[in-house]
Structure formats: C-alpha cells, structure tokens
Amino acid sequence: MNWRERIVIDPSVLTGKPIIKGTRLAVEFIIDLLAHDWTESEILRSYPGLAHEDIQACLMYVSDLLRTERVYPAEISQEVD
C-alpha cells in the first residue's frame, strides 16, 4: 500500500496538515493516540469511518517523513572526564 492513496494535504482543511482522505482527522492526531497507548481497535471503534489501512498509512507517512529528515546539531558538546 502507498500512503499517498490515503493521506492528503488540503490547505483548506486543518490549515494544510496531512489528514486521512475524506476526514478531518490529522495524521498527527492518530499518531498521538497510538503514542498514548490507544490500540488500533480502540481507534477504529471510536472513529468508525476509519479502516486498518488508514492507520497503516499514517504510520507509513511518518516513517517516510522521518527517513528523509536531516538533523543538524546546533552545538556539539564534549564530555570532560
């Protein structure tokens, strides 16, 4: 599955945050639920318009985003013994 089939960015919805297609549910919101120990079953029960594939698409989107992220430390600290 390609996350691009289920995740869209529409500037008129949630100020352009990535959302699950056909909803106003942000990828960020779904990831936050998972981070706070919600199970997939709990999410699907609470948001019946969602499918397993939507949650997988959110995870794949974040995975791709993090894979391409570049981090540059502002300062390199050196430990002194």
N, C-alpha and C. Protein backbone atom coordinates (compact mmCIF):
# COMPACT_ATOMS: atom_id res chain seq x y z
N MET A 1 0.83 -1.18 0.00
CA MET A 1 0.00 0.00 0.00
C MET A 1 0.88 1.25 0.00
N ASN A 2 0.42 2.24 -0.69
CA ASN A 2 1.10 3.53 -0.76
C ASN A 2 0.32 4.51 0.11
N TRP A 3 0.97 5.13 1.08
CA TRP A 3 0.26 6.06 1.98
C TRP A 3 -0.37 7.21 1.22
N ARG A 4 0.17 7.54 0.05
CA ARG A 4 -0.35 8.67 -0.74
C ARG A 4 -1.79 8.43 -1.22
N GLU A 5 -2.24 7.19 -1.19
CA GLU A 5 -3.61 6.88 -1.58
C GLU A 5 -4.60 7.26 -0.47
N ARG A 6 -4.11 7.41 0.76
CA ARG A 6 -5.00 7.64 1.90
C ARG A 6 -4.70 8.91 2.69
N ILE A 7 -3.55 9.52 2.49
CA ILE A 7 -3.17 10.73 3.22
C ILE A 7 -3.12 11.88 2.22
N VAL A 8 -3.80 12.97 2.56
CA VAL A 8 -3.82 14.13 1.67
C VAL A 8 -3.50 15.40 2.46
N ILE A 9 -3.07 16.41 1.72
CA ILE A 9 -2.83 17.73 2.30
C ILE A 9 -3.70 18.71 1.53
N ASP A 10 -4.61 19.35 2.27
CA ASP A 10 -5.53 20.31 1.69
C ASP A 10 -5.43 21.58 2.51
N PRO A 11 -4.92 22.66 1.93
CA PRO A 11 -4.75 23.91 2.70
C PRO A 11 -6.04 24.41 3.35
N SER A 12 -7.19 24.00 2.85
CA SER A 12 -8.46 24.46 3.42
C SER A 12 -8.95 23.60 4.59
N VAL A 13 -8.22 22.52 4.89
CA VAL A 13 -8.60 21.63 6.00
C VAL A 13 -7.46 21.59 7.00
N LEU A 14 -7.74 21.96 8.24
CA LEU A 14 -6.75 21.95 9.33
C LEU A 14 -5.47 22.68 8.94
N THR A 15 -5.62 23.78 8.27
CA THR A 15 -4.51 24.63 7.82
C THR A 15 -3.41 23.87 7.08
N GLY A 16 -3.83 22.84 6.33
CA GLY A 16 -2.88 22.13 5.48
C GLY A 16 -2.14 20.98 6.15
N LYS A 17 -2.54 20.61 7.37
CA LYS A 17 -1.89 19.45 7.99
C LYS A 17 -2.28 18.19 7.21
N PRO A 18 -1.40 17.20 7.16
CA PRO A 18 -1.76 15.95 6.50
C PRO A 18 -2.93 15.29 7.23
N ILE A 19 -3.94 14.89 6.47
CA ILE A 19 -5.13 14.26 7.05
C ILE A 19 -5.42 12.95 6.33
N ILE A 20 -6.26 12.15 6.97
CA ILE A 20 -6.75 10.93 6.32
C ILE A 20 -7.82 11.37 5.32
N LYS A 21 -7.66 10.94 4.10
CA LYS A 21 -8.55 11.32 2.99
C LYS A 21 -10.01 11.10 3.38
N GLY A 22 -10.83 12.11 3.12
CA GLY A 22 -12.26 12.01 3.38
C GLY A 22 -12.64 12.29 4.83
N THR A 23 -11.67 12.71 5.65
CA THR A 23 -11.94 13.02 7.06
C THR A 23 -11.31 14.36 7.41
N ARG A 24 -11.51 14.77 8.64
CA ARG A 24 -10.80 15.92 9.18
C ARG A 24 -9.87 15.44 10.28
N LEU A 25 -9.44 14.19 10.21
CA LEU A 25 -8.54 13.61 11.20
C LEU A 25 -7.10 13.71 10.72
N ALA A 26 -6.30 14.45 11.48
CA ALA A 26 -4.90 14.65 11.11
C ALA A 26 -4.07 13.40 11.42
N VAL A 27 -3.08 13.17 10.60
CA VAL A 27 -2.12 12.09 10.84
C VAL A 27 -1.53 12.26 12.24
N GLU A 28 -1.19 13.48 12.57
CA GLU A 28 -0.63 13.81 13.88
C GLU A 28 -1.54 13.32 15.01
N PHE A 29 -2.85 13.47 14.86
CA PHE A 29 -3.81 13.05 15.87
C PHE A 29 -3.79 11.53 16.05
N ILE A 30 -3.78 10.81 14.95
CA ILE A 30 -3.77 9.34 15.02
C ILE A 30 -2.48 8.85 15.65
N ILE A 31 -1.35 9.42 15.25
CA ILE A 31 -0.06 9.04 15.83
C ILE A 31 -0.04 9.34 17.33
N ASP A 32 -0.63 10.48 17.72
CA ASP A 32 -0.69 10.84 19.13
C ASP A 32 -1.53 9.84 19.92
N LEU A 33 -2.65 9.39 19.35
CA LEU A 33 -3.46 8.37 20.03
C LEU A 33 -2.64 7.10 20.25
N LEU A 34 -1.94 6.67 19.21
CA LEU A 34 -1.11 5.47 19.33
C LEU A 34 -0.01 5.67 20.37
N ALA A 35 0.57 6.85 20.42
CA ALA A 35 1.63 7.15 21.39
C ALA A 35 1.11 7.15 22.82
N HIS A 36 -0.19 7.40 22.95
CA HIS A 36 -0.81 7.40 24.29
C HIS A 36 -1.52 6.07 24.58
N ASP A 37 -1.01 5.01 24.00
CA ASP A 37 -1.44 3.64 24.27
C ASP A 37 -2.84 3.27 23.80
N TRP A 38 -3.41 4.04 22.87
CA TRP A 38 -4.65 3.59 22.26
C TRP A 38 -4.32 2.43 21.33
N THR A 39 -5.13 1.41 21.33
CA THR A 39 -4.94 0.31 20.40
C THR A 39 -5.62 0.65 19.08
N GLU A 40 -5.25 -0.06 18.06
CA GLU A 40 -5.91 0.13 16.76
C GLU A 40 -7.41 -0.12 16.90
N SER A 41 -7.78 -1.15 17.66
CA SER A 41 -9.20 -1.46 17.86
C SER A 41 -9.95 -0.30 18.51
N GLU A 42 -9.33 0.33 19.50
CA GLU A 42 -9.96 1.47 20.17
C GLU A 42 -10.16 2.64 19.20
N ILE A 43 -9.16 2.88 18.38
CA ILE A 43 -9.25 3.97 17.40
C ILE A 43 -10.37 3.68 16.40
N LEU A 44 -10.40 2.46 15.88
CA LEU A 44 -11.41 2.11 14.89
C LEU A 44 -12.81 2.13 15.49
N ARG A 45 -12.93 1.74 16.74
CA ARG A 45 -14.23 1.77 17.42
C ARG A 45 -14.69 3.23 17.66
N SER A 46 -13.75 4.09 18.02
CA SER A 46 -14.08 5.49 18.29
C SER A 46 -14.31 6.30 17.02
N TYR A 47 -13.69 5.91 15.93
CA TYR A 47 -13.79 6.61 14.65
C TYR A 47 -14.19 5.60 13.57
N PRO A 48 -15.47 5.24 13.53
CA PRO A 48 -15.92 4.14 12.66
C PRO A 48 -15.70 4.37 11.16
N GLY A 49 -15.43 5.60 10.76
CA GLY A 49 -15.16 5.86 9.34
C GLY A 49 -13.75 5.45 8.91
N LEU A 50 -12.93 5.10 9.88
CA LEU A 50 -11.54 4.72 9.58
C LEU A 50 -11.42 3.22 9.34
N ALA A 51 -10.37 2.85 8.64
CA ALA A 51 -10.06 1.44 8.38
C ALA A 51 -8.62 1.17 8.82
N HIS A 52 -8.31 -0.08 8.98
CA HIS A 52 -6.95 -0.51 9.33
C HIS A 52 -5.93 0.15 8.40
N GLU A 53 -6.25 0.21 7.11
CA GLU A 53 -5.35 0.77 6.12
C GLU A 53 -5.06 2.26 6.37
N ASP A 54 -6.03 2.97 6.94
CA ASP A 54 -5.82 4.38 7.26
C ASP A 54 -4.76 4.54 8.35
N ILE A 55 -4.84 3.70 9.36
CA ILE A 55 -3.86 3.76 10.45
C ILE A 55 -2.49 3.36 9.93
N GLN A 56 -2.43 2.34 9.09
CA GLN A 56 -1.16 1.93 8.48
C GLN A 56 -0.59 3.05 7.63
N ALA A 57 -1.44 3.74 6.90
CA ALA A 57 -0.99 4.86 6.05
C ALA A 57 -0.39 5.96 6.91
N CYS A 58 -0.99 6.24 8.07
CA CYS A 58 -0.44 7.25 8.98
C CYS A 58 0.96 6.85 9.44
N LEU A 59 1.12 5.59 9.81
CA LEU A 59 2.44 5.11 10.25
C LEU A 59 3.46 5.16 9.11
N MET A 60 3.03 4.80 7.92
CA MET A 60 3.94 4.82 6.78
C MET A 60 4.34 6.26 6.42
N TYR A 61 3.37 7.19 6.53
CA TYR A 61 3.66 8.60 6.25
C TYR A 61 4.74 9.10 7.21
N VAL A 62 4.56 8.85 8.50
CA VAL A 62 5.52 9.32 9.50
C VAL A 62 6.87 8.63 9.30
N SER A 63 6.86 7.37 8.97
CA SER A 63 8.11 6.65 8.71
C SER A 63 8.87 7.28 7.55
N ASP A 64 8.16 7.58 6.46
CA ASP A 64 8.81 8.23 5.31
C ASP A 64 9.33 9.61 5.68
N LEU A 65 8.54 10.34 6.43
CA LEU A 65 8.94 11.69 6.85
C LEU A 65 10.22 11.64 7.68
N LEU A 66 10.27 10.73 8.63
CA LEU A 66 11.46 10.63 9.48
C LEU A 66 12.67 10.10 8.72
N ARG A 67 12.43 9.25 7.75
CA ARG A 67 13.54 8.70 6.96
C ARG A 67 14.25 9.80 6.16
N THR A 68 13.49 10.80 5.73
CA THR A 68 14.08 11.87 4.92
C THR A 68 14.53 13.06 5.76
N GLU A 69 14.20 13.05 7.05
CA GLU A 69 14.57 14.18 7.91
C GLU A 69 16.08 14.20 8.14
N ARG A 70 16.62 15.38 8.13
CA ARG A 70 18.04 15.57 8.42
C ARG A 70 18.15 16.40 9.68
N VAL A 71 18.96 15.96 10.61
CA VAL A 71 19.12 16.66 11.88
C VAL A 71 20.55 17.15 11.98
N TYR A 72 20.68 18.43 12.27
CA TYR A 72 22.00 19.03 12.40
C TYR A 72 22.10 19.61 13.81
N PRO A 73 22.96 19.04 14.63
CA PRO A 73 23.08 19.55 16.00
C PRO A 73 23.55 21.00 15.99
N ALA A 74 22.93 21.80 16.85
CA ALA A 74 23.29 23.21 16.94
C ALA A 74 24.64 23.38 17.63
N GLU A 75 24.93 22.46 18.53
CA GLU A 75 26.18 22.56 19.28
C GLU A 75 26.63 21.14 19.61
N ILE A 76 27.89 20.89 19.46
CA ILE A 76 28.44 19.59 19.81
C ILE A 76 29.08 19.71 21.18
N SER A 77 28.55 18.94 22.12
CA SER A 77 29.12 19.00 23.46
C SER A 77 30.18 17.92 23.62
N GLN A 78 31.19 18.23 24.35
CA GLN A 78 32.26 17.29 24.63
C GLN A 78 32.27 17.00 26.11
N GLU A 79 32.27 15.71 26.42
CA GLU A 79 32.31 15.33 27.83
C GLU A 79 33.74 15.47 28.35
N VAL A 80 33.84 15.94 29.57
CA VAL A 80 35.14 16.10 30.23
C VAL A 80 35.20 15.07 31.35
N ASP A 81 36.28 14.31 31.38
CA ASP A 81 36.42 13.31 32.44
C ASP A 81 36.95 13.90 33.70
